[in-house]
Amino acid sequence: MPFVFEATEIDGPILITPRIFDDSRGHFFENYKRSDYHAAGIVETFVQGNSSRSDRHVLRGLHYQIAPSAQAKLVRCVRGAIFDVAVDIRAASVNFGRWIGRELSEDNRQILYVPAGFAHGFLALGECTEVCYDVSAEYHLETERGIAWNDPDIAINWPISKPLLSEKDLNYPRLANAGVFP
């Protein structure tokens, strides 16, 4: 199998490490293979691919979509490095409000699977950082939601205290005031 699938401390997100084939010409690896992902319990069909470029210390998130457009995500950093975060916002979950964070980079080539029911965000750790992620539902403005990146009830341990944020991300509510998943 060309992947190692590692459960995280919260039920749902999975850290995926692909098998890398390096030689004098460069490298090759599979970042997605449906049969292997399905065998590991990741059964969504991914229908849209997104990419972003961010300067150092740009924080994007915490974003999610509600039904009928709730999204699972496969996130990877193709240039630079990010601190990637998933927050459990499933109201019935024993882990409601808990978060996990992982460094994803062009060097480690790891992928984070973020299931629907989690808010997602990342902090760019390097200059000109590029992130690619596939989602299981198309983007719809009407179902887009967000949570404050610095909500003290969640208490994410971001690597910096003063990130660069969009106006939209600056104005998201705390988790207690945001719509959550049933």
Protein backbone atom coordinates (compact mmCIF):
# COMPACT_ATOMS: atom_id res chain seq x y z
CA MET A 1 0.00 0.00 0.00
CA PRO A 2 1.47 3.38 -0.96
CA PHE A 3 -0.01 5.18 2.09
CA VAL A 4 0.23 5.11 5.85
CA PHE A 5 -3.06 6.19 7.47
CA GLU A 6 -2.73 7.44 11.08
CA ALA A 7 -5.69 8.15 13.33
CA THR A 8 -5.41 11.38 15.31
CA GLU A 9 -6.29 12.04 18.94
CA ILE A 10 -9.80 13.06 17.84
CA ASP A 11 -12.01 10.56 16.04
CA GLY A 12 -12.40 11.65 12.42
CA PRO A 13 -9.31 13.39 11.03
CA ILE A 14 -6.65 11.10 9.57
CA LEU A 15 -3.02 11.96 8.77
CA ILE A 16 -1.94 10.36 5.50
CA THR A 17 1.69 9.80 4.56
CA PRO A 18 2.24 8.77 0.95
CA ARG A 19 5.05 6.52 -0.18
CA ILE A 20 7.63 8.65 -1.99
CA PHE A 21 9.73 7.37 -4.86
CA ASP A 22 12.88 9.53 -5.02
CA ASP A 23 15.69 9.23 -7.52
CA SER A 24 18.24 11.47 -9.23
CA ARG A 25 15.50 12.99 -11.44
CA GLY A 26 13.22 14.06 -8.59
CA HIS A 27 10.32 12.23 -6.99
CA PHE A 28 6.93 10.65 -7.64
CA PHE A 29 4.08 9.80 -5.28
CA GLU A 30 0.36 9.15 -5.35
CA ASN A 31 -1.58 11.68 -3.30
CA TYR A 32 -4.92 9.93 -3.78
CA LYS A 33 -5.96 6.41 -4.68
CA ARG A 34 -9.65 5.69 -4.22
CA SER A 35 -9.29 1.98 -3.37
CA ASP A 36 -6.66 2.61 -0.66
CA TYR A 37 -8.57 5.55 0.81
CA HIS A 38 -11.81 3.51 0.88
CA ALA A 39 -10.00 0.63 2.60
CA ALA A 40 -8.88 3.14 5.26
CA GLY A 41 -12.46 4.38 5.79
CA ILE A 42 -12.28 7.56 3.69
CA VAL A 43 -15.24 6.88 1.40
CA GLU A 44 -16.30 10.33 0.20
CA THR A 45 -16.20 11.23 -3.46
CA PHE A 46 -14.13 14.38 -3.93
CA VAL A 47 -15.78 16.71 -6.44
CA GLN A 48 -13.84 19.98 -6.37
CA GLY A 49 -10.16 20.87 -6.14
CA ASN A 50 -8.96 24.16 -4.64
CA SER A 51 -5.61 25.85 -4.26
CA SER A 52 -4.40 28.92 -2.43
CA ARG A 53 -1.18 30.87 -2.12
CA SER A 54 -0.43 32.69 1.11
CA ASP A 55 2.38 34.84 2.43
CA ARG A 56 4.07 34.03 5.74
CA HIS A 57 1.77 34.37 8.78
CA VAL A 58 -1.47 34.45 6.77
CA LEU A 59 -4.15 32.51 8.63
CA ARG A 60 -7.12 31.19 6.67
CA GLY A 61 -10.07 29.91 8.66
CA LEU A 62 -11.70 28.48 10.58
CA HIS A 63 -14.09 27.57 7.75
CA TYR A 64 -16.81 24.99 7.18
CA GLN A 65 -20.02 24.49 5.23
CA ILE A 66 -23.35 23.26 6.57
CA ALA A 67 -25.76 20.81 4.93
CA PRO A 68 -26.54 20.24 2.20
CA SER A 69 -23.02 21.30 1.20
CA ALA A 70 -20.98 20.03 4.16
CA GLN A 71 -17.47 19.19 3.00
CA ALA A 72 -14.85 16.62 3.83
CA LYS A 73 -11.38 17.82 2.80
CA LEU A 74 -8.05 16.34 1.76
CA VAL A 75 -5.46 19.04 2.51
CA ARG A 76 -1.82 19.12 1.46
CA CYS A 77 0.88 21.76 1.24
CA VAL A 78 2.72 21.71 -2.08
CA ARG A 79 5.07 24.64 -1.42
CA GLY A 80 6.34 25.86 1.93
CA ALA A 81 4.69 24.72 5.15
CA ILE A 82 1.46 25.23 7.08
CA PHE A 83 0.14 24.57 10.56
CA ASP A 84 -3.14 22.85 9.65
CA VAL A 85 -6.02 22.71 12.14
CA ALA A 86 -9.32 20.81 12.36
CA VAL A 87 -11.90 21.60 15.08
CA ASP A 88 -14.67 19.14 15.93
CA ILE A 89 -17.98 21.02 15.68
CA ARG A 90 -20.27 17.98 15.77
CA ALA A 91 -22.70 18.83 18.57
CA ALA A 92 -23.17 15.17 19.58
CA SER A 93 -19.44 14.38 19.60
CA VAL A 94 -17.57 13.65 22.82
CA ASN A 95 -14.78 15.74 21.25
CA PHE A 96 -16.97 18.78 20.52
CA GLY A 97 -14.78 21.90 20.52
CA ARG A 98 -11.49 19.97 20.56
CA TRP A 99 -8.89 20.53 17.86
CA ILE A 100 -5.92 18.85 16.26
CA GLY A 101 -3.04 20.54 14.50
CA ARG A 102 -0.35 19.16 12.20
CA GLU A 103 2.45 20.67 10.18
CA LEU A 104 2.02 19.86 6.52
CA SER A 105 4.84 20.78 4.17
CA GLU A 106 6.35 20.28 0.75
CA ASP A 107 9.06 18.28 2.55
CA ASN A 108 6.90 15.81 4.52
CA ARG A 109 4.24 15.65 1.76
CA GLN A 110 1.63 14.57 4.31
CA ILE A 111 -2.10 14.96 3.70
CA LEU A 112 -4.73 15.68 6.34
CA TYR A 113 -8.19 14.21 5.88
CA VAL A 114 -10.74 16.50 7.56
CA PRO A 115 -14.24 14.98 7.64
CA ALA A 116 -17.47 16.96 7.40
CA GLY A 117 -18.41 18.22 10.85
CA PHE A 118 -15.03 19.90 11.40
CA ALA A 119 -14.05 23.53 10.96
CA HIS A 120 -10.73 23.87 9.14
CA GLY A 121 -8.01 26.49 9.01
CA PHE A 122 -4.31 26.86 8.43
CA LEU A 123 -1.44 29.23 9.11
CA ALA A 124 1.23 29.76 6.43
CA LEU A 125 4.64 29.17 8.01
CA GLY A 126 6.74 30.11 4.98
CA GLU A 127 6.87 32.72 2.24
CA CYS A 128 4.77 31.99 -0.81
CA THR A 129 3.08 28.93 0.68
CA GLU A 130 0.79 26.96 -1.62
CA VAL A 131 -1.96 24.64 -0.40
CA CYS A 132 -4.11 22.29 -2.48
CA TYR A 133 -7.22 20.63 -1.12
CA ASP A 134 -9.98 18.52 -2.54
CA VAL A 135 -13.50 18.70 -1.16
CA SER A 136 -16.47 16.36 -1.18
CA ALA A 137 -19.09 19.03 -1.97
CA GLU A 138 -18.97 22.05 -4.21
CA TYR A 139 -18.60 25.45 -2.59
CA HIS A 140 -21.84 27.37 -1.94
CA LEU A 141 -21.77 30.85 -0.46
CA GLU A 142 -25.13 30.30 1.25
CA THR A 143 -23.85 27.40 3.36
CA GLU A 144 -20.42 28.84 4.20
CA ARG A 145 -19.74 29.44 7.89
CA GLY A 146 -16.79 30.17 10.12
CA ILE A 147 -15.53 30.34 13.68
CA ALA A 148 -13.14 32.86 15.24
CA TRP A 149 -9.56 31.65 14.84
CA ASN A 150 -8.75 32.73 18.41
CA ASP A 151 -11.86 31.49 20.25
CA PRO A 152 -10.67 31.04 23.86
CA ASP A 153 -13.09 28.14 24.38
CA ILE A 154 -11.26 26.19 21.66
CA ALA A 155 -7.80 27.54 22.63
CA ILE A 156 -5.85 26.56 19.53
CA ASN A 157 -2.12 26.79 20.16
CA TRP A 158 -1.23 28.67 16.97
CA PRO A 159 2.54 29.14 16.41
CA ILE A 160 2.10 32.95 16.33
CA SER A 161 -0.22 35.35 18.16
CA LYS A 162 -0.76 38.02 15.47
CA PRO A 163 -1.53 36.40 12.11
CA LEU A 164 -2.65 38.21 8.98
CA LEU A 165 -6.39 37.66 8.44
CA SER A 166 -9.03 38.60 5.92
CA GLU A 167 -11.82 40.92 7.03
CA LYS A 168 -14.23 37.98 6.81
CA ASP A 169 -12.07 35.75 9.03
CA LEU A 170 -11.65 38.58 11.56
CA ASN A 171 -15.42 38.79 12.04
CA TYR A 172 -16.43 35.17 12.55
CA PRO A 173 -18.25 34.37 15.82
CA ARG A 174 -17.03 32.16 18.63
CA LEU A 175 -18.04 28.50 18.52
CA ALA A 176 -20.75 29.09 21.13
CA ASN A 177 -22.48 31.49 18.71
CA ALA A 178 -21.84 29.62 15.46
CA GLY A 179 -24.00 27.03 13.76
CA VAL A 180 -22.77 23.51 14.45
CA PHE A 181 -23.49 20.07 13.11
CA PRO A 182 -26.20 17.95 14.77
